[in-house]
Amino acid sequence: MEKLHNWNKTLRRNFLPTVLVFAAATFNFGLPTITYPHLNFANLAWGWCAITALGNFDPDKGGHIILWDLKLIIRFPPGCTIFIPSALIRHSNTSIQPHEKHFSFTQYTAAGIFRFVDNRFHSDTSINASGLTAAEQQERMEACRTR
């Protein structure tokens, strides 16, 4: 994020870097906030996603986070945060009781931002069309394979 903001000083951060290191954040204020099993394919595969449970609900009766691929159901009370690689681990949460409120705050960074910075602030399309030598193209392909 530092490289990106140094490259373009007009970019505005959502939060101070001492508060939030991720590029994006989502507040989910649905009543209630329930997710079905999913992966966040656009996020950096080896990167972390921070999920914070908010609201007023009994964590013994609902609001658990489920990490399907790990076969884990985790009690997830309001105010707790979990870090997961959301592009790699299918996750969801359980419903709560009808009279309760459940929200979430999720922080993440899309993989495309990392590629853009790694491409010296160019998209994959523009850097591939920029006339790379065969050796440079081979180096990029190998870097993609190893990621």
Protein backbone atom coordinates (compact mmCIF):
# COMPACT_ATOMS: atom_id res chain seq x y z
CA MET A 1 0.00 0.00 0.00
CA GLU A 2 2.90 2.34 0.70
CA LYS A 3 4.29 1.85 -2.80
CA LEU A 4 0.87 2.51 -4.33
CA HIS A 5 0.29 5.70 -2.34
CA ASN A 6 3.82 6.94 -3.02
CA TRP A 7 3.25 6.36 -6.74
CA ASN A 8 -0.02 8.34 -6.74
CA LYS A 9 -0.27 10.95 -4.00
CA THR A 10 -3.89 11.76 -4.95
CA LEU A 11 -5.11 8.34 -3.74
CA ARG A 12 -6.96 8.65 -0.45
CA ARG A 13 -6.78 6.03 2.25
CA ASN A 14 -10.00 4.84 3.88
CA PHE A 15 -8.24 4.83 7.24
CA LEU A 16 -4.85 5.82 8.60
CA PRO A 17 -2.20 3.16 7.82
CA THR A 18 -1.73 2.66 11.57
CA VAL A 19 -5.41 1.67 11.79
CA LEU A 20 -6.00 -0.32 8.59
CA VAL A 21 -3.38 -1.92 6.36
CA PHE A 22 -5.89 -3.28 3.84
CA ALA A 23 -6.93 -1.49 0.64
CA ALA A 24 -10.66 -1.99 1.16
CA ALA A 25 -13.23 -2.44 3.87
CA THR A 26 -16.89 -3.42 3.80
CA PHE A 27 -19.50 -2.75 6.45
CA ASN A 28 -22.38 -5.24 6.28
CA PHE A 29 -25.45 -3.76 7.94
CA GLY A 30 -28.06 -6.24 6.71
CA LEU A 31 -30.57 -7.46 9.28
CA PRO A 32 -29.15 -9.92 9.93
CA THR A 33 -25.83 -10.26 8.11
CA ILE A 34 -25.66 -13.88 6.99
CA THR A 35 -23.27 -15.30 4.41
CA TYR A 36 -23.49 -18.56 2.52
CA PRO A 37 -20.39 -20.72 1.93
CA HIS A 38 -18.13 -18.81 -0.43
CA LEU A 39 -14.58 -17.92 -1.47
CA ASN A 40 -13.46 -14.38 -2.24
CA PHE A 41 -11.74 -15.18 -5.54
CA ALA A 42 -10.67 -11.58 -6.24
CA ASN A 43 -8.64 -11.35 -3.02
CA LEU A 44 -4.96 -12.16 -2.88
CA ALA A 45 -4.79 -15.96 -2.55
CA TRP A 46 -2.07 -15.97 0.09
CA GLY A 47 -3.27 -12.73 1.69
CA TRP A 48 -5.34 -12.26 4.81
CA CYS A 49 -8.86 -10.96 5.21
CA ALA A 50 -10.00 -9.60 8.58
CA ILE A 51 -13.61 -10.28 9.57
CA THR A 52 -15.10 -8.60 12.65
CA ALA A 53 -18.45 -9.62 14.11
CA LEU A 54 -20.64 -6.76 15.32
CA GLY A 55 -24.12 -6.49 16.76
CA ASN A 56 -26.11 -7.75 19.70
CA PHE A 57 -26.60 -11.52 19.60
CA ASP A 58 -26.03 -14.57 21.76
CA PRO A 59 -22.83 -16.16 20.36
CA ASP A 60 -23.72 -19.48 21.97
CA LYS A 61 -26.88 -19.72 19.84
CA GLY A 62 -25.72 -18.25 16.52
CA GLY A 63 -23.33 -16.08 14.56
CA HIS A 64 -20.65 -18.78 14.44
CA ILE A 65 -18.15 -18.63 11.62
CA ILE A 66 -17.74 -21.83 9.62
CA LEU A 67 -14.46 -22.64 7.88
CA TRP A 68 -15.70 -25.42 5.63
CA ASP A 69 -12.40 -26.67 4.24
CA LEU A 70 -10.95 -26.93 7.75
CA LYS A 71 -14.15 -28.54 9.09
CA LEU A 72 -14.33 -25.93 11.86
CA ILE A 73 -17.28 -24.15 13.44
CA ILE A 74 -15.99 -21.32 15.63
CA ARG A 75 -17.91 -19.39 18.27
CA PHE A 76 -17.63 -15.81 17.05
CA PRO A 77 -18.97 -13.25 19.57
CA PRO A 78 -19.61 -9.57 18.77
CA GLY A 79 -16.38 -7.58 18.81
CA CYS A 80 -14.16 -10.52 17.80
CA THR A 81 -11.97 -10.48 14.69
CA ILE A 82 -10.63 -13.44 12.74
CA PHE A 83 -8.01 -13.36 10.00
CA ILE A 84 -8.42 -15.91 7.21
CA PRO A 85 -7.13 -16.32 3.65
CA SER A 86 -10.63 -15.75 2.26
CA ALA A 87 -9.68 -16.64 -1.32
CA LEU A 88 -8.56 -20.13 -0.21
CA ILE A 89 -10.88 -21.18 2.64
CA ARG A 90 -14.62 -21.50 2.06
CA HIS A 91 -16.38 -19.64 4.84
CA SER A 92 -19.82 -18.59 6.02
CA ASN A 93 -21.64 -17.83 9.23
CA THR A 94 -24.64 -19.24 11.03
CA SER A 95 -27.94 -17.45 11.53
CA ILE A 96 -28.91 -15.77 14.78
CA GLN A 97 -32.20 -15.59 16.69
CA PRO A 98 -34.98 -13.49 15.10
CA HIS A 99 -34.89 -10.69 17.70
CA GLU A 100 -31.07 -10.24 17.51
CA LYS A 101 -28.83 -8.05 15.35
CA HIS A 102 -25.70 -9.21 13.56
CA PHE A 103 -23.40 -7.06 11.41
CA SER A 104 -19.85 -7.40 10.17
CA PHE A 105 -16.84 -5.32 9.20
CA THR A 106 -14.54 -6.98 6.64
CA GLN A 107 -11.10 -5.75 5.55
CA TYR A 108 -9.27 -7.08 2.49
CA THR A 109 -7.09 -6.27 -0.50
CA ALA A 110 -7.87 -7.39 -4.04
CA ALA A 111 -5.16 -9.38 -5.81
CA GLY A 112 -5.33 -6.95 -8.74
CA ILE A 113 -3.81 -4.20 -6.59
CA PHE A 114 -0.79 -6.37 -5.81
CA ARG A 115 -0.41 -7.26 -9.53
CA PHE A 116 -0.66 -3.57 -10.47
CA VAL A 117 2.12 -2.61 -8.04
CA ASP A 118 4.22 -5.65 -9.03
CA ASN A 119 3.81 -4.61 -12.70
CA ARG A 120 5.35 -1.23 -11.84
CA PHE A 121 1.91 0.42 -11.88
CA HIS A 122 0.60 -1.09 -15.10
CA SER A 123 -2.20 -3.59 -15.74
CA ASP A 124 -1.34 -7.08 -16.95
CA THR A 125 -2.82 -6.16 -20.35
CA SER A 126 -0.77 -2.99 -20.80
CA ILE A 127 2.51 -4.50 -19.60
CA ASN A 128 2.07 -7.54 -21.87
CA ALA A 129 1.42 -5.22 -24.83
CA SER A 130 4.39 -2.99 -24.00
CA GLY A 131 6.90 -4.93 -26.08
CA LEU A 132 8.65 -7.02 -23.46
CA THR A 133 11.61 -9.03 -24.64
CA ALA A 134 11.28 -12.81 -24.75
CA ALA A 135 13.42 -13.06 -21.59
CA GLU A 136 11.26 -10.50 -19.75
CA GLN A 137 8.09 -12.29 -20.84
CA GLN A 138 9.54 -15.63 -19.67
CA GLU A 139 10.48 -14.06 -16.32
CA ARG A 140 6.91 -12.76 -15.86
CA MET A 141 5.42 -16.16 -16.75
CA GLU A 142 7.71 -17.90 -14.26
CA ALA A 143 6.81 -15.39 -11.52
CA CYS A 144 3.10 -16.03 -12.19
CA ARG A 145 3.63 -19.81 -11.99
CA THR A 146 5.50 -19.59 -8.69
CA ARG A 147 2.84 -17.35 -7.13
